[in-house]
PDB file of all heavy atoms in Angstrom:
ATOM      1  N   LEU A   1       0.822  -1.204   0.002  1.00  0.00           N
ATOM      2  CA  LEU A   1       0.002  -0.006  -0.011  1.00  0.00           C
ATOM      3  C   LEU A   1       0.860   1.261   0.004  1.00  0.00           C
ATOM      4  O   LEU A   1       0.554   2.244  -0.699  1.00  0.00           O
ATOM      5  CB  LEU A   1      -0.932  -0.002   1.225  1.00  0.00           C
ATOM      6  CG  LEU A   1      -1.867  -1.210   1.352  1.00  0.00           C
ATOM      7  CD1 LEU A   1      -2.769  -1.049   2.581  1.00  0.00           C
ATOM      8  CD2 LEU A   1      -2.712  -1.392   0.119  1.00  0.00           C
ATOM      9  N   ASN A   2       1.948   1.254   0.784  1.00  0.00           N
ATOM     10  CA  ASN A   2       2.828   2.404   0.810  1.00  0.00           C
ATOM     11  C   ASN A   2       3.512   2.648  -0.531  1.00  0.00           C
ATOM     12  O   ASN A   2       3.712   3.778  -0.950  1.00  0.00           O
ATOM     13  CB  ASN A   2       3.911   2.234   1.895  1.00  0.00           C
ATOM     14  CG  ASN A   2       3.324   2.411   3.291  1.00  0.00           C
ATOM     15  OD1 ASN A   2       2.263   3.024   3.470  1.00  0.00           O
ATOM     16  ND2 ASN A   2       4.022   1.874   4.300  1.00  0.00           N
ATOM     17  N   ALA A   3       3.869   1.539  -1.227  1.00  0.00           N
ATOM     18  CA  ALA A   3       4.566   1.676  -2.504  1.00  0.00           C
ATOM     19  C   ALA A   3       3.712   2.410  -3.508  1.00  0.00           C
ATOM     20  O   ALA A   3       4.187   3.216  -4.309  1.00  0.00           O
ATOM     21  CB  ALA A   3       4.961   0.284  -3.027  1.00  0.00           C
ATOM     22  N   GLN A   4       2.393   2.109  -3.492  1.00  0.00           N
ATOM     23  CA  GLN A   4       1.503   2.811  -4.431  1.00  0.00           C
ATOM     24  C   GLN A   4       1.404   4.289  -4.074  1.00  0.00           C
ATOM     25  O   GLN A   4       1.365   5.147  -4.971  1.00  0.00           O
ATOM     26  CB  GLN A   4       0.118   2.173  -4.367  1.00  0.00           C
ATOM     27  CG  GLN A   4      -0.845   2.658  -5.463  1.00  0.00           C
ATOM     28  CD  GLN A   4      -1.613   3.890  -5.032  1.00  0.00           C
ATOM     29  OE1 GLN A   4      -1.794   4.125  -3.829  1.00  0.00           O
ATOM     30  NE2 GLN A   4      -2.083   4.664  -6.004  1.00  0.00           N
ATOM     31  N   GLY A   5       1.406   4.604  -2.789  1.00  0.00           N
ATOM     32  CA  GLY A   5       1.369   6.007  -2.384  1.00  0.00           C
ATOM     33  C   GLY A   5       2.623   6.774  -2.788  1.00  0.00           C
ATOM     34  O   GLY A   5       2.562   7.906  -3.242  1.00  0.00           O
ATOM     35  N   TYR A   6       3.788   6.118  -2.620  1.00  0.00           N
ATOM     36  CA  TYR A   6       5.035   6.758  -3.053  1.00  0.00           C
ATOM     37  C   TYR A   6       5.047   6.977  -4.555  1.00  0.00           C
ATOM     38  O   TYR A   6       5.564   8.004  -5.056  1.00  0.00           O
ATOM     39  CB  TYR A   6       6.213   5.892  -2.644  1.00  0.00           C
ATOM     40  CG  TYR A   6       6.392   5.741  -1.159  1.00  0.00           C
ATOM     41  CD1 TYR A   6       6.903   4.559  -0.609  1.00  0.00           C
ATOM     42  CD2 TYR A   6       6.053   6.763  -0.287  1.00  0.00           C
ATOM     43  CE1 TYR A   6       7.058   4.416   0.770  1.00  0.00           C
ATOM     44  CE2 TYR A   6       6.208   6.622   1.101  1.00  0.00           C
ATOM     45  CZ  TYR A   6       6.709   5.445   1.610  1.00  0.00           C
ATOM     46  OH  TYR A   6       6.874   5.325   2.953  1.00  0.00           O
ATOM     47  N   THR A   7       4.533   6.000  -5.299  1.00  0.00           N
ATOM     48  CA  THR A   7       4.486   6.134  -6.764  1.00  0.00           C
ATOM     49  C   THR A   7       3.612   7.326  -7.161  1.00  0.00           C
ATOM     50  O   THR A   7       3.979   8.113  -8.045  1.00  0.00           O
ATOM     51  CB  THR A   7       3.955   4.844  -7.404  1.00  0.00           C
ATOM     52  OG1 THR A   7       4.833   3.779  -7.100  1.00  0.00           O
ATOM     53  CG2 THR A   7       3.846   4.995  -8.912  1.00  0.00           C
ATOM     54  N   GLN A   8       2.445   7.407  -6.550  1.00  0.00           N
ATOM     55  CA  GLN A   8       1.532   8.512  -6.879  1.00  0.00           C
ATOM     56  C   GLN A   8       2.154   9.870  -6.544  1.00  0.00           C
ATOM     57  O   GLN A   8       2.028  10.830  -7.337  1.00  0.00           O
ATOM     58  CB  GLN A   8       0.222   8.334  -6.115  1.00  0.00           C
ATOM     59  CG  GLN A   8      -0.844   9.357  -6.480  1.00  0.00           C
ATOM     60  CD  GLN A   8      -1.269   9.239  -7.953  1.00  0.00           C
ATOM     61  OE1 GLN A   8      -1.848   8.290  -8.357  1.00  0.00           O
ATOM     62  NE2 GLN A   8      -0.936  10.266  -8.725  1.00  0.00           N
ATOM     63  N   ALA A   9       2.829   9.931  -5.397  1.00  0.00           N
ATOM     64  CA  ALA A   9       3.498  11.189  -5.036  1.00  0.00           C
ATOM     65  C   ALA A   9       4.586  11.564  -6.038  1.00  0.00           C
ATOM     66  O   ALA A   9       4.772  12.742  -6.366  1.00  0.00           O
ATOM     67  CB  ALA A   9       4.106  11.071  -3.648  1.00  0.00           C
ATOM     68  N   ALA A  10       5.311  10.561  -6.553  1.00  0.00           N
ATOM     69  CA  ALA A  10       6.365  10.828  -7.530  1.00  0.00           C
ATOM     70  C   ALA A  10       5.769  11.323  -8.844  1.00  0.00           C
ATOM     71  O   ALA A  10       6.352  12.179  -9.530  1.00  0.00           O
ATOM     72  CB  ALA A  10       7.199   9.573  -7.753  1.00  0.00           C
ATOM     73  N   TRP A  11       4.579  10.825  -9.221  1.00  0.00           N
ATOM     74  CA  TRP A  11       3.930  11.269 -10.452  1.00  0.00           C
ATOM     75  C   TRP A  11       3.414  12.696 -10.316  1.00  0.00           C
ATOM     76  O   TRP A  11       3.321  13.425 -11.297  1.00  0.00           O
ATOM     77  CB  TRP A  11       2.782  10.318 -10.811  1.00  0.00           C
ATOM     78  CG  TRP A  11       3.280   9.022 -11.398  1.00  0.00           C
ATOM     79  CD1 TRP A  11       4.269   8.231 -10.924  1.00  0.00           C
ATOM     80  CD2 TRP A  11       2.806   8.390 -12.603  1.00  0.00           C
ATOM     81  NE1 TRP A  11       4.441   7.144 -11.738  1.00  0.00           N
ATOM     82  CE2 TRP A  11       3.568   7.216 -12.773  1.00  0.00           C
ATOM     83  CE3 TRP A  11       1.823   8.720 -13.529  1.00  0.00           C
ATOM     84  CZ2 TRP A  11       3.343   6.336 -13.837  1.00  0.00           C
ATOM     85  CZ3 TRP A  11       1.622   7.861 -14.601  1.00  0.00           C
ATOM     86  CH2 TRP A  11       2.373   6.667 -14.743  1.00  0.00           C
ATOM     87  N   TRP A  12       3.060  13.098  -9.102  1.00  0.00           N
ATOM     88  CA  TRP A  12       2.612  14.470  -8.869  1.00  0.00           C
ATOM     89  C   TRP A  12       3.783  15.457  -8.775  1.00  0.00           C
ATOM     90  O   TRP A  12       3.577  16.653  -8.887  1.00  0.00           O
ATOM     91  CB  TRP A  12       1.783  14.548  -7.583  1.00  0.00           C
ATOM     92  CG  TRP A  12       0.430  13.953  -7.727  1.00  0.00           C
ATOM     93  CD1 TRP A  12      -0.286  13.760  -8.872  1.00  0.00           C
ATOM     94  CD2 TRP A  12      -0.414  13.460  -6.667  1.00  0.00           C
ATOM     95  NE1 TRP A  12      -1.500  13.174  -8.603  1.00  0.00           N
ATOM     96  CE2 TRP A  12      -1.612  12.985  -7.261  1.00  0.00           C
ATOM     97  CE3 TRP A  12      -0.273  13.380  -5.298  1.00  0.00           C
ATOM     98  CZ2 TRP A  12      -2.653  12.434  -6.532  1.00  0.00           C
ATOM     99  CZ3 TRP A  12      -1.307  12.824  -4.532  1.00  0.00           C
ATOM    100  CH2 TRP A  12      -2.479  12.364  -5.164  1.00  0.00           C
ATOM    101  N   ASN A  13       4.965  14.936  -8.544  1.00  0.00           N
ATOM    102  CA  ASN A  13       6.143  15.809  -8.345  1.00  0.00           C
ATOM    103  C   ASN A  13       6.667  16.265  -9.698  1.00  0.00           C
ATOM    104  O   ASN A  13       7.417  15.583 -10.369  1.00  0.00           O
ATOM    105  CB  ASN A  13       7.225  15.017  -7.607  1.00  0.00           C
ATOM    106  CG  ASN A  13       8.377  15.910  -7.180  1.00  0.00           C
ATOM    107  OD1 ASN A  13       8.284  17.138  -7.216  1.00  0.00           O
ATOM    108  ND2 ASN A  13       9.508  15.309  -6.830  1.00  0.00           N
ATOM    109  N   ARG A  14       6.257  17.438 -10.122  1.00  0.00           N
ATOM    110  CA  ARG A  14       6.601  17.997 -11.445  1.00  0.00           C
ATOM    111  C   ARG A  14       7.471  19.227 -11.280  1.00  0.00           C
ATOM    112  O   ARG A  14       7.620  19.775 -10.194  1.00  0.00           O
ATOM    113  CB  ARG A  14       5.307  18.334 -12.211  1.00  0.00           C
ATOM    114  CG  ARG A  14       4.276  17.213 -12.305  1.00  0.00           C
ATOM    115  CD  ARG A  14       4.631  16.213 -13.370  1.00  0.00           C
ATOM    116  NE  ARG A  14       4.643  16.826 -14.670  1.00  0.00           N
ATOM    117  CZ  ARG A  14       3.543  17.030 -15.404  1.00  0.00           C
ATOM    118  NH1 ARG A  14       2.347  16.662 -14.942  1.00  0.00           N
ATOM    119  NH2 ARG A  14       3.624  17.590 -16.597  1.00  0.00           N
ATOM    120  N   ILE A  15       8.033  19.707 -12.391  1.00  0.00           N
ATOM    121  CA  ILE A  15       8.813  20.917 -12.374  1.00  0.00           C
ATOM    122  C   ILE A  15       7.862  22.102 -12.063  1.00  0.00           C
ATOM    123  O   ILE A  15       6.796  22.225 -12.666  1.00  0.00           O
ATOM    124  CB  ILE A  15       9.486  21.140 -13.733  1.00  0.00           C
ATOM    125  CG1 ILE A  15      10.527  20.053 -13.987  1.00  0.00           C
ATOM    126  CG2 ILE A  15      10.154  22.521 -13.801  1.00  0.00           C
ATOM    127  CD1 ILE A  15      11.169  20.134 -15.341  1.00  0.00           C
ATOM    128  N   PRO A  16       8.232  22.983 -11.128  1.00  0.00           N
ATOM    129  CA  PRO A  16       7.325  24.081 -10.754  1.00  0.00           C
ATOM    130  C   PRO A  16       7.052  25.027 -11.933  1.00  0.00           C
ATOM    131  O   PRO A  16       7.889  25.212 -12.826  1.00  0.00           O
ATOM    132  CB  PRO A  16       8.113  24.829  -9.641  1.00  0.00           C
ATOM    133  CG  PRO A  16       9.114  23.807  -9.140  1.00  0.00           C
ATOM    134  CD  PRO A  16       9.449  22.933 -10.310  1.00  0.00           C
ATOM    135  N   ILE A  17       5.867  25.634 -11.900  1.00  0.00           N
ATOM    136  CA  ILE A  17       5.485  26.585 -12.939  1.00  0.00           C
ATOM    137  C   ILE A  17       6.431  27.770 -12.948  1.00  0.00           C
ATOM    138  O   ILE A  17       6.749  28.311 -14.024  1.00  0.00           O
ATOM    139  CB  ILE A  17       4.024  27.064 -12.691  1.00  0.00           C
ATOM    140  CG1 ILE A  17       3.062  25.854 -12.749  1.00  0.00           C
ATOM    141  CG2 ILE A  17       3.642  28.104 -13.730  1.00  0.00           C
ATOM    142  CD1 ILE A  17       3.033  25.167 -14.121  1.00  0.00           C
ATOM    143  N   ALA A  18       6.910  28.186 -11.791  1.00  0.00           N
ATOM    144  CA  ALA A  18       7.834  29.339 -11.735  1.00  0.00           C
ATOM    145  C   ALA A  18       9.109  29.041 -12.512  1.00  0.00           C
ATOM    146  O   ALA A  18       9.648  29.930 -13.180  1.00  0.00           O
ATOM    147  CB  ALA A  18       8.164  29.663 -10.278  1.00  0.00           C
ATOM    148  N   ALA A  19       9.607  27.812 -12.454  1.00  0.00           N
ATOM    149  CA  ALA A  19      10.815  27.460 -13.197  1.00  0.00           C
ATOM    150  C   ALA A  19      10.576  27.516 -14.698  1.00  0.00           C
ATOM    151  O   ALA A  19      11.427  28.002 -15.450  1.00  0.00           O
ATOM    152  CB  ALA A  19      11.300  26.065 -12.782  1.00  0.00           C
ATOM    153  N   TRP A  20       9.414  26.997 -15.129  1.00  0.00           N
ATOM    154  CA  TRP A  20       9.060  27.075 -16.545  1.00  0.00           C
ATOM    155  C   TRP A  20       8.940  28.533 -17.016  1.00  0.00           C
ATOM    156  O   TRP A  20       9.390  28.920 -18.104  1.00  0.00           O
ATOM    157  CB  TRP A  20       7.758  26.356 -16.813  1.00  0.00           C
ATOM    158  CG  TRP A  20       7.878  24.871 -16.889  1.00  0.00           C
ATOM    159  CD1 TRP A  20       7.360  23.955 -16.027  1.00  0.00           C
ATOM    160  CD2 TRP A  20       8.549  24.118 -17.915  1.00  0.00           C
ATOM    161  NE1 TRP A  20       7.687  22.678 -16.432  1.00  0.00           N
ATOM    162  CE2 TRP A  20       8.386  22.747 -17.601  1.00  0.00           C
ATOM    163  CE3 TRP A  20       9.254  24.467 -19.042  1.00  0.00           C
ATOM    164  CZ2 TRP A  20       8.928  21.749 -18.371  1.00  0.00           C
ATOM    165  CZ3 TRP A  20       9.789  23.454 -19.835  1.00  0.00           C
ATOM    166  CH2 TRP A  20       9.620  22.112 -19.486  1.00  0.00           C
ATOM    167  N   THR A  21       8.311  29.377 -16.164  1.00  0.00           N
ATOM    168  CA  THR A  21       8.120  30.779 -16.542  1.00  0.00           C
ATOM    169  C   THR A  21       9.456  31.486 -16.711  1.00  0.00           C
ATOM    170  O   THR A  21       9.704  32.220 -17.693  1.00  0.00           O
ATOM    171  CB  THR A  21       7.279  31.495 -15.452  1.00  0.00           C
ATOM    172  OG1 THR A  21       6.024  30.819 -15.339  1.00  0.00           O
ATOM    173  CG2 THR A  21       7.029  32.937 -15.857  1.00  0.00           C
ATOM    174  N   LEU A  22      10.386  31.255 -15.741  1.00  0.00           N
ATOM    175  CA  LEU A  22      11.685  31.873 -15.828  1.00  0.00           C
ATOM    176  C   LEU A  22      12.423  31.403 -17.065  1.00  0.00           C
ATOM    177  O   LEU A  22      13.070  32.211 -17.763  1.00  0.00           O
ATOM    178  CB  LEU A  22      12.487  31.524 -14.572  1.00  0.00           C
ATOM    179  CG  LEU A  22      13.916  32.060 -14.484  1.00  0.00           C
ATOM    180  CD1 LEU A  22      13.897  33.595 -14.498  1.00  0.00           C
ATOM    181  CD2 LEU A  22      14.633  31.548 -13.243  1.00  0.00           C
ATOM    182  N   LEU A  23      12.357  30.111 -17.359  1.00  0.00           N
ATOM    183  CA  LEU A  23      13.035  29.560 -18.537  1.00  0.00           C
ATOM    184  C   LEU A  23      12.526  30.172 -19.820  1.00  0.00           C
ATOM    185  O   LEU A  23      13.291  30.547 -20.729  1.00  0.00           O
ATOM    186  CB  LEU A  23      12.878  28.048 -18.560  1.00  0.00           C
ATOM    187  CG  LEU A  23      13.506  27.286 -19.740  1.00  0.00           C
ATOM    188  CD1 LEU A  23      14.985  27.573 -19.807  1.00  0.00           C
ATOM    189  CD2 LEU A  23      13.247  25.810 -19.580  1.00  0.00           C
ATOM    190  N   ILE A  24      11.203  30.305 -19.956  1.00  0.00           N
ATOM    191  CA  ILE A  24      10.601  30.862 -21.173  1.00  0.00           C
ATOM    192  C   ILE A  24      10.948  32.333 -21.340  1.00  0.00           C
ATOM    193  O   ILE A  24      11.289  32.796 -22.430  1.00  0.00           O
ATOM    194  CB  ILE A  24       9.091  30.646 -21.174  1.00  0.00           C
ATOM    195  CG1 ILE A  24       8.776  29.144 -21.254  1.00  0.00           C
ATOM    196  CG2 ILE A  24       8.429  31.384 -22.295  1.00  0.00           C
ATOM    197  CD1 ILE A  24       7.336  28.806 -21.058  1.00  0.00           C
ATOM    198  N   VAL A  25      10.883  33.091 -20.224  1.00  0.00           N
ATOM    199  CA  VAL A  25      11.139  34.529 -20.331  1.00  0.00           C
ATOM    200  C   VAL A  25      12.599  34.796 -20.734  1.00  0.00           C
ATOM    201  O   VAL A  25      12.882  35.614 -21.623  1.00  0.00           O
ATOM    202  CB  VAL A  25      10.836  35.205 -18.962  1.00  0.00           C
ATOM    203  CG1 VAL A  25      11.360  36.637 -18.956  1.00  0.00           C
ATOM    204  CG2 VAL A  25       9.327  35.194 -18.706  1.00  0.00           C
ATOM    205  N   ILE A  26      13.528  34.081 -20.114  1.00  0.00           N
ATOM    206  CA  ILE A  26      14.952  34.282 -20.467  1.00  0.00           C
ATOM    207  C   ILE A  26      15.215  33.805 -21.902  1.00  0.00           C
ATOM    208  O   ILE A  26      16.010  34.381 -22.620  1.00  0.00           O
ATOM    209  CB  ILE A  26      15.853  33.554 -19.453  1.00  0.00           C
ATOM    210  CG1 ILE A  26      15.668  34.204 -18.069  1.00  0.00           C
ATOM    211  CG2 ILE A  26      17.297  33.605 -19.892  1.00  0.00           C
ATOM    212  CD1 ILE A  26      16.554  33.603 -17.015  1.00  0.00           C
ATOM    213  N   SER A  27      14.528  32.744 -22.334  1.00  0.00           N
ATOM    214  CA  SER A  27      14.705  32.268 -23.716  1.00  0.00           C
ATOM    215  C   SER A  27      14.257  33.331 -24.716  1.00  0.00           C
ATOM    216  O   SER A  27      14.903  33.551 -25.746  1.00  0.00           O
ATOM    217  CB  SER A  27      13.916  30.983 -23.929  1.00  0.00           C
ATOM    218  OG  SER A  27      14.394  29.930 -23.108  1.00  0.00           O
ATOM    219  N   ILE A  28      13.132  33.989 -24.411  1.00  0.00           N
ATOM    220  CA  ILE A  28      12.655  35.049 -25.302  1.00  0.00           C
ATOM    221  C   ILE A  28      13.646  36.212 -25.343  1.00  0.00           C
ATOM    222  O   ILE A  28      13.948  36.749 -26.414  1.00  0.00           O
ATOM    223  CB  ILE A  28      11.266  35.525 -24.843  1.00  0.00           C
ATOM    224  CG1 ILE A  28      10.239  34.401 -25.077  1.00  0.00           C
ATOM    225  CG2 ILE A  28      10.863  36.791 -25.607  1.00  0.00           C
ATOM    226  CD1 ILE A  28       8.858  34.741 -24.569  1.00  0.00           C
ATOM    227  N   PHE A  29      14.181  36.608 -24.185  1.00  0.00           N
ATOM    228  CA  PHE A  29      15.144  37.693 -24.153  1.00  0.00           C
ATOM    229  C   PHE A  29      16.414  37.354 -24.943  1.00  0.00           C
ATOM    230  O   PHE A  29      16.968  38.172 -25.665  1.00  0.00           O
ATOM    231  CB  PHE A  29      15.532  38.035 -22.708  1.00  0.00           C
ATOM    232  CG  PHE A  29      14.538  38.918 -22.011  1.00  0.00           C
ATOM    233  CD1 PHE A  29      14.063  38.623 -20.749  1.00  0.00           C
ATOM    234  CD2 PHE A  29      14.103  40.075 -22.637  1.00  0.00           C
ATOM    235  CE1 PHE A  29      13.160  39.443 -20.116  1.00  0.00           C
ATOM    236  CE2 PHE A  29      13.166  40.895 -22.012  1.00  0.00           C
ATOM    237  CZ  PHE A  29      12.684  40.590 -20.737  1.00  0.00           C
ATOM    238  N   CYS A  30      16.865  36.097 -24.808  1.00  0.00           N
ATOM    239  CA  CYS A  30      18.070  35.660 -25.533  1.00  0.00           C
ATOM    240  C   CYS A  30      17.838  35.706 -27.036  1.00  0.00           C
ATOM    241  O   CYS A  30      18.709  36.170 -27.795  1.00  0.00           O
ATOM    242  CB  CYS A  30      18.463  34.257 -25.101  1.00  0.00           C
ATOM    243  SG  CYS A  30      19.249  34.191 -23.478  1.00  0.00           S
ATOM    244  N   ASN A  31      16.697  35.244 -27.502  1.00  0.00           N
ATOM    245  CA  ASN A  31      16.397  35.291 -28.948  1.00  0.00           C
ATOM    246  C   ASN A  31      16.255  36.724 -29.430  1.00  0.00           C
ATOM    247  O   ASN A  31      16.690  37.034 -30.559  1.00  0.00           O
ATOM    248  CB  ASN A  31      15.120  34.528 -29.237  1.00  0.00           C
ATOM    249  CG  ASN A  31      15.354  33.019 -29.259  1.00  0.00           C
ATOM    250  OD1 ASN A  31      15.827  32.447 -30.218  1.00  0.00           O
ATOM    251  ND2 ASN A  31      15.015  32.346 -28.134  1.00  0.00           N
ATOM    252  N   LEU A  32      15.722  37.582 -28.588  1.00  0.00           N
ATOM    253  CA  LEU A  32      15.612  38.988 -28.936  1.00  0.00           C
ATOM    254  C   LEU A  32      16.995  39.611 -29.114  1.00  0.00           C
ATOM    255  O   LEU A  32      17.266  40.355 -30.093  1.00  0.00           O
ATOM    256  CB  LEU A  32      14.810  39.738 -27.875  1.00  0.00           C
ATOM    257  CG  LEU A  32      14.407  41.176 -28.156  1.00  0.00           C
ATOM    258  CD1 LEU A  32      13.409  41.221 -29.310  1.00  0.00           C
ATOM    259  CD2 LEU A  32      13.827  41.822 -26.913  1.00  0.00           C
ATOM    260  N   LEU A  33      17.900  39.307 -28.198  1.00  0.00           N
ATOM    261  CA  LEU A  33      19.274  39.843 -28.276  1.00  0.00           C
ATOM    262  C   LEU A  33      20.040  39.270 -29.444  1.00  0.00           C
ATOM    263  O   LEU A  33      20.778  39.988 -30.115  1.00  0.00           O
ATOM    264  CB  LEU A  33      20.020  39.555 -26.969  1.00  0.00           C
ATOM    265  CG  LEU A  33      19.496  40.299 -25.715  1.00  0.00           C
ATOM    266  CD1 LEU A  33      20.233  39.805 -24.475  1.00  0.00           C
ATOM    267  CD2 LEU A  33      19.675  41.803 -25.881  1.00  0.00           C
ATOM    268  N   VAL A  34      19.867  37.964 -29.701  1.00  0.00           N
ATOM    269  CA  VAL A  34      20.510  37.357 -30.841  1.00  0.00           C
ATOM    270  C   VAL A  34      20.025  37.956 -32.152  1.00  0.00           C
ATOM    271  O   VAL A  34      20.811  38.235 -33.086  1.00  0.00           O
ATOM    272  CB  VAL A  34      20.342  35.826 -30.834  1.00  0.00           C
ATOM    273  CG1 VAL A  34      20.791  35.188 -32.142  1.00  0.00           C
ATOM    274  CG2 VAL A  34      21.113  35.205 -29.692  1.00  0.00           C
ATOM    275  N   GLY A  35      18.731  38.180 -32.256  1.00  0.00           N
ATOM    276  CA  GLY A  35      18.169  38.805 -33.442  1.00  0.00           C
ATOM    277  C   GLY A  35      18.668  40.206 -33.626  1.00  0.00           C
ATOM    278  O   GLY A  35      18.956  40.668 -34.731  1.00  0.00           O
ATOM    279  N   TYR A  36      18.829  40.917 -32.510  1.00  0.00           N
ATOM    280  CA  TYR A  36      19.324  42.299 -32.578  1.00  0.00           C
ATOM    281  C   TYR A  36      20.793  42.299 -33.046  1.00  0.00           C
ATOM    282  O   TYR A  36      21.186  43.200 -33.813  1.00  0.00           O
ATOM    283  CB  TYR A  36      19.210  42.947 -31.225  1.00  0.00           C
ATOM    284  CG  TYR A  36      19.542  44.417 -31.217  1.00  0.00           C
ATOM    285  CD1 TYR A  36      18.573  45.356 -31.514  1.00  0.00           C
ATOM    286  CD2 TYR A  36      20.825  44.841 -30.882  1.00  0.00           C
ATOM    287  CE1 TYR A  36      18.886  46.724 -31.532  1.00  0.00           C
ATOM    288  CE2 TYR A  36      21.131  46.209 -30.893  1.00  0.00           C
ATOM    289  CZ  TYR A  36      20.158  47.128 -31.207  1.00  0.00           C
ATOM    290  OH  TYR A  36      20.476  48.471 -31.220  1.00  0.00           O
ATOM    291  N   SER A  37      21.577  41.319 -32.577  1.00  0.00           N
ATOM    292  CA  SER A  37      23.003  41.287 -32.977  1.00  0.00           C
ATOM    293  C   SER A  37      23.161  40.827 -34.429  1.00  0.00           C
ATOM    294  O   SER A  37      24.055  41.272 -35.129  1.00  0.00           O
ATOM    295  CB  SER A  37      23.777  40.344 -32.053  1.00  0.00           C
ATOM    296  OG  SER A  37      23.329  39.000 -32.200  1.00  0.00           O
ATOM    297  N   ALA A  38      22.270  39.916 -34.902  1.00  0.00           N
ATOM    298  CA  ALA A  38      22.359  39.449 -36.293  1.00  0.00           C
ATOM    299  C   ALA A  38      21.789  40.462 -37.281  1.00  0.00           C
ATOM    300  O   ALA A  38      22.241  40.554 -38.412  1.00  0.00           O
ATOM    301  CB  ALA A  38      21.631  38.108 -36.446  1.00  0.00           C
ATOM    302  N   HIS A  39      20.769  41.203 -36.838  1.00  0.00           N
ATOM    303  CA  HIS A  39      20.026  42.239 -37.597  1.00  0.00           C
ATOM    304  C   HIS A  39      19.838  41.863 -39.065  1.00  0.00           C
ATOM    305  O   HIS A  39      20.096  42.630 -39.993  1.00  0.00           O
ATOM    306  CB  HIS A  39      20.695  43.597 -37.482  1.00  0.00           C
ATOM    307  CG  HIS A  39      22.150  43.663 -37.865  1.00  0.00           C
ATOM    308  ND1 HIS A  39      22.543  43.797 -39.163  1.00  0.00           N
ATOM    309  CD2 HIS A  39      23.273  43.641 -37.121  1.00  0.00           C
ATOM    310  CE1 HIS A  39      23.897  43.855 -39.199  1.00  0.00           C
ATOM    311  NE2 HIS A  39      24.338  43.740 -37.972  1.00  0.00           N
ATOM    312  N   GLY A  40      19.375  40.608 -39.270  1.00  0.00           N
ATOM    313  CA  GLY A  40      18.909  40.188 -40.599  1.00  0.00           C
ATOM    314  C   GLY A  40      19.995  39.840 -41.588  1.00  0.00           C
ATOM    315  O   GLY A  40      19.709  39.512 -42.738  1.00  0.00           O
ATOM    316  N   ARG A  41      21.268  39.847 -41.185  1.00  0.00           N
ATOM    317  CA  ARG A  41      22.335  39.522 -42.140  1.00  0.00           C
ATOM    318  C   ARG A  41      22.374  38.015 -42.392  1.00  0.00           C
ATOM    319  O   ARG A  41      22.807  37.597 -43.476  1.00  0.00           O
ATOM    320  CB  ARG A  41      23.688  39.992 -41.585  1.00  0.00           C
ATOM    321  CG  ARG A  41      23.840  41.506 -41.543  1.00  0.00           C
ATOM    322  CD  ARG A  41      25.151  41.902 -40.972  1.00  0.00           C
ATOM    323  NE  ARG A  41      25.322  41.372 -39.617  1.00  0.00           N
ATOM    324  CZ  ARG A  41      26.406  41.599 -38.875  1.00  0.00           C
ATOM    325  NH1 ARG A  41      27.403  42.302 -39.370  1.00  0.00           N
ATOM    326  NH2 ARG A  41      26.498  41.098 -37.647  1.00  0.00           N
ATOM    327  N   ASN A  42      21.971  37.227 -41.435  1.00  0.00           N
ATOM    328  CA  ASN A  42      22.020  35.793 -41.605  1.00  0.00           C
ATOM    329  C   ASN A  42      20.768  35.181 -40.986  1.00  0.00           C
ATOM    330  O   ASN A  42      20.654  35.023 -39.769  1.00  0.00           O
ATOM    331  CB  ASN A  42      23.283  35.221 -40.891  1.00  0.00           C
ATOM    332  CG  ASN A  42      23.533  33.779 -41.261  1.00  0.00           C
ATOM    333  OD1 ASN A  42      22.630  33.066 -41.751  1.00  0.00           O
ATOM    334  ND2 ASN A  42      24.748  33.299 -41.046  1.00  0.00           N
ATOM    335  N   TRP A  43      19.806  34.842 -41.844  1.00  0.00           N
ATOM    336  CA  TRP A  43      18.537  34.322 -41.340  1.00  0.00           C
ATOM    337  C   TRP A  43      18.681  32.910 -40.766  1.00  0.00           C
ATOM    338  O   TRP A  43      17.884  32.493 -39.897  1.00  0.00           O
ATOM    339  CB  TRP A  43      17.498  34.310 -42.470  1.00  0.00           C
ATOM    340  CG  TRP A  43      17.130  35.699 -42.881  1.00  0.00           C
ATOM    341  CD1 TRP A  43      17.617  36.394 -43.953  1.00  0.00           C
ATOM    342  CD2 TRP A  43      16.216  36.574 -42.247  1.00  0.00           C
ATOM    343  NE1 TRP A  43      17.064  37.650 -44.010  1.00  0.00           N
ATOM    344  CE2 TRP A  43      16.169  37.803 -42.961  1.00  0.00           C
ATOM    345  CE3 TRP A  43      15.415  36.445 -41.105  1.00  0.00           C
ATOM    346  CZ2 TRP A  43      15.408  38.856 -42.595  1.00  0.00           C
ATOM    347  CZ3 TRP A  43      14.623  37.520 -40.728  1.00  0.00           C
ATOM    348  CH2 TRP A  43      14.603  38.710 -41.466  1.00  0.00           C
ATOM    349  N   ILE A  44      19.656  32.173 -41.201  1.00  0.00           N
ATOM    350  CA  ILE A  44      19.889  30.852 -40.615  1.00  0.00           C
ATOM    351  C   ILE A  44      20.259  30.975 -39.153  1.00  0.00           C
ATOM    352  O   ILE A  44      19.820  30.210 -38.302  1.00  0.00           O
ATOM    353  CB  ILE A  44      20.959  30.099 -41.411  1.00  0.00           C
ATOM    354  CG1 ILE A  44      20.499  29.841 -42.846  1.00  0.00           C
ATOM    355  CG2 ILE A  44      21.294  28.770 -40.729  1.00  0.00           C
ATOM    356  CD1 ILE A  44      21.505  29.143 -43.714  1.00  0.00           C
ATOM    357  N   LEU A  45      21.055  31.989 -38.843  1.00  0.00           N
ATOM    358  CA  LEU A  45      21.451  32.218 -37.440  1.00  0.00           C
ATOM    359  C   LEU A  45      20.225  32.497 -36.582  1.00  0.00           C
ATOM    360  O   LEU A  45      20.199  32.100 -35.405  1.00  0.00           O
ATOM    361  CB  LEU A  45      22.456  33.375 -37.372  1.00  0.00           C
ATOM    362  CG  LEU A  45      22.957  33.738 -35.985  1.00  0.00           C
ATOM    363  CD1 LEU A  45      23.734  32.601 -35.397  1.00  0.00           C
ATOM    364  CD2 LEU A  45      23.840  34.995 -36.066  1.00  0.00           C
ATOM    365  N   LEU A  46      19.240  33.198 -37.143  1.00  0.00           N
ATOM    366  CA  LEU A  46      18.039  33.471 -36.376  1.00  0.00           C
ATOM    367  C   LEU A  46      17.203  32.239 -36.107  1.00  0.00           C
ATOM    368  O   LEU A  46      16.358  32.280 -35.215  1.00  0.00           O
ATOM    369  CB  LEU A  46      17.193  34.509 -37.136  1.00  0.00           C
ATOM    370  CG  LEU A  46      17.793  35.908 -37.332  1.00  0.00           C
ATOM    371  CD1 LEU A  46      16.814  36.796 -38.053  1.00  0.00           C
ATOM    372  CD2 LEU A  46      18.192  36.518 -36.007  1.00  0.00           C
TER     373      LEU A  46
END
């Protein structure tokens, strides 16, 4: 019975929403800066 409870708790243990939010925001800023540095000279780089 305990093993099933531990399994269920592990399935509920996910990456926090705050971590996802921080990752997405910084990713957007990085792409914005890379686009600014490339300024359309190399679309593959973008």
